[in-house]
Protein backbone atom coordinates (compact mmCIF):
# COMPACT_ATOMS: atom_id res chain seq x y z
CA MET A 1 109.17 87.18 72.94
CA THR A 2 106.19 86.88 75.23
CA TRP A 3 105.85 88.49 78.62
CA GLU A 4 103.00 87.41 80.85
CA LEU A 5 101.58 89.28 83.82
CA LYS A 6 99.00 87.60 86.00
CA ALA A 7 96.35 90.00 87.29
CA VAL A 8 92.96 89.87 88.92
CA VAL A 9 90.46 92.55 87.94
CA SER A 10 88.61 94.31 90.73
CA PRO A 11 85.02 93.16 91.16
CA LEU A 12 84.14 96.87 91.15
CA ALA A 13 85.66 97.42 87.68
CA LYS A 14 83.20 98.55 85.05
CA PRO A 15 83.08 96.55 81.80
CA GLY A 16 84.84 98.04 78.79
CA PRO A 17 88.29 98.74 77.37
CA LYS A 18 91.08 99.44 79.88
CA SER A 19 94.78 100.17 79.78
CA ILE A 20 97.60 100.04 82.28
CA PRO A 21 100.73 102.14 81.85
CA LEU A 22 104.01 100.31 82.41
CA ASN A 23 105.85 103.42 83.57
CA THR A 24 107.14 101.70 86.73
CA VAL A 25 108.43 98.59 84.93
CA SER A 26 112.00 97.99 83.86
CA LEU A 27 113.09 94.85 82.07
CA GLN A 28 115.97 93.39 80.15
CA VAL A 29 115.97 91.01 77.19
CA CYS A 30 119.14 89.12 76.29
CA ASP A 31 120.29 87.04 73.37
CA ALA A 32 123.56 85.13 73.04
CA MET A 33 125.53 88.33 72.34
CA ASN A 34 123.82 91.29 74.00
CA CYS A 35 121.30 92.46 76.56
CA TYR A 36 118.77 95.18 75.81
CA PRO A 37 117.14 97.19 78.61
CA ALA A 38 113.69 98.78 78.36
CA TYR A 39 112.31 101.29 80.82
CA GLY A 40 108.66 102.17 81.20
CA ARG A 41 109.52 105.53 82.74
CA ARG A 42 111.22 106.48 79.46
CA SER A 43 108.11 105.52 77.47
CA GLN A 44 109.90 102.55 75.91
CA LEU A 45 107.14 100.11 76.88
CA PRO A 46 103.61 100.25 75.48
CA GLU A 47 100.55 100.38 77.70
CA VAL A 48 98.84 97.06 78.35
CA GLU A 49 95.42 97.11 76.74
CA PHE A 50 92.61 94.73 77.62
CA ARG A 51 88.85 94.56 77.93
CA VAL A 52 86.88 93.90 81.11
CA GLU A 53 83.91 91.71 80.24
CA PRO A 54 80.67 91.85 82.23
CA GLY A 55 79.84 89.04 84.62
CA ARG A 56 81.83 86.47 86.50
CA SER A 57 84.84 84.74 84.95
CA ASP A 58 84.82 80.97 84.61
CA ARG A 59 88.65 80.97 84.51
CA MET A 60 89.37 82.37 87.99
CA ASN A 61 92.06 80.51 89.86
CA GLU A 62 90.92 80.21 93.49
CA ALA A 63 94.50 80.48 94.84
CA ASP A 64 95.00 83.76 92.94
CA LEU A 65 91.72 85.09 94.32
CA GLU A 66 92.77 84.30 97.90
CA GLN A 67 96.05 86.18 97.40
CA VAL A 68 94.17 89.19 96.04
CA ARG A 69 91.74 89.14 98.95
CA ALA A 70 94.63 89.22 101.43
CA VAL A 71 96.31 92.11 99.59
CA PHE A 72 93.02 93.99 99.34
CA VAL A 73 92.36 93.70 103.08
CA ARG A 74 95.91 94.88 103.89
CA ALA A 75 95.56 97.82 101.49
CA VAL A 76 92.26 98.92 103.00
CA ASN A 77 93.73 98.69 106.49
CA THR A 78 96.73 100.75 105.40
CA LEU A 79 94.74 103.42 103.57
CA THR A 80 91.87 103.92 105.99
CA LYS A 81 92.02 105.72 109.29
CA VAL A 82 88.83 104.11 110.51
CA GLY A 83 90.69 101.19 112.03
CA PRO A 84 91.34 97.58 111.09
CA VAL A 85 89.07 96.08 108.48
CA ASN A 86 88.61 92.35 108.16
CA GLU A 87 87.52 90.32 105.17
CA ALA A 88 83.95 90.00 106.49
CA ASP A 89 83.58 93.80 106.31
CA LEU A 90 84.50 93.65 102.63
CA ALA A 91 82.40 90.58 101.83
CA PRO A 92 79.97 92.27 99.40
CA GLN A 93 82.80 93.53 97.17
CA LEU A 94 84.90 90.38 97.47
CA GLN A 95 81.98 88.06 96.75
CA ARG A 96 81.50 89.69 93.35
CA ALA A 97 84.93 88.42 92.35
CA SER A 98 84.46 84.84 93.46
């Protein structure tokens, strides 16, 4: 079985080994006879381990990057009390990813 999760690494991420806990993920795998649940909150799923490499990726999908930019802007607007932030305000950080 293979499970794939598409992700975009922050342009502010430092190179090196990283891991992501799957404690908020629940999934189910079925065969012809049974289904088997797995719950991250019960420590049944391993952490995802990967390595952030230095520099810009040559495999970035532009459509994925645009989705991340939109989410990033919404998150900053939600988390800050300074007022609305637009993409131009975040240009230095976002440009590192593109």
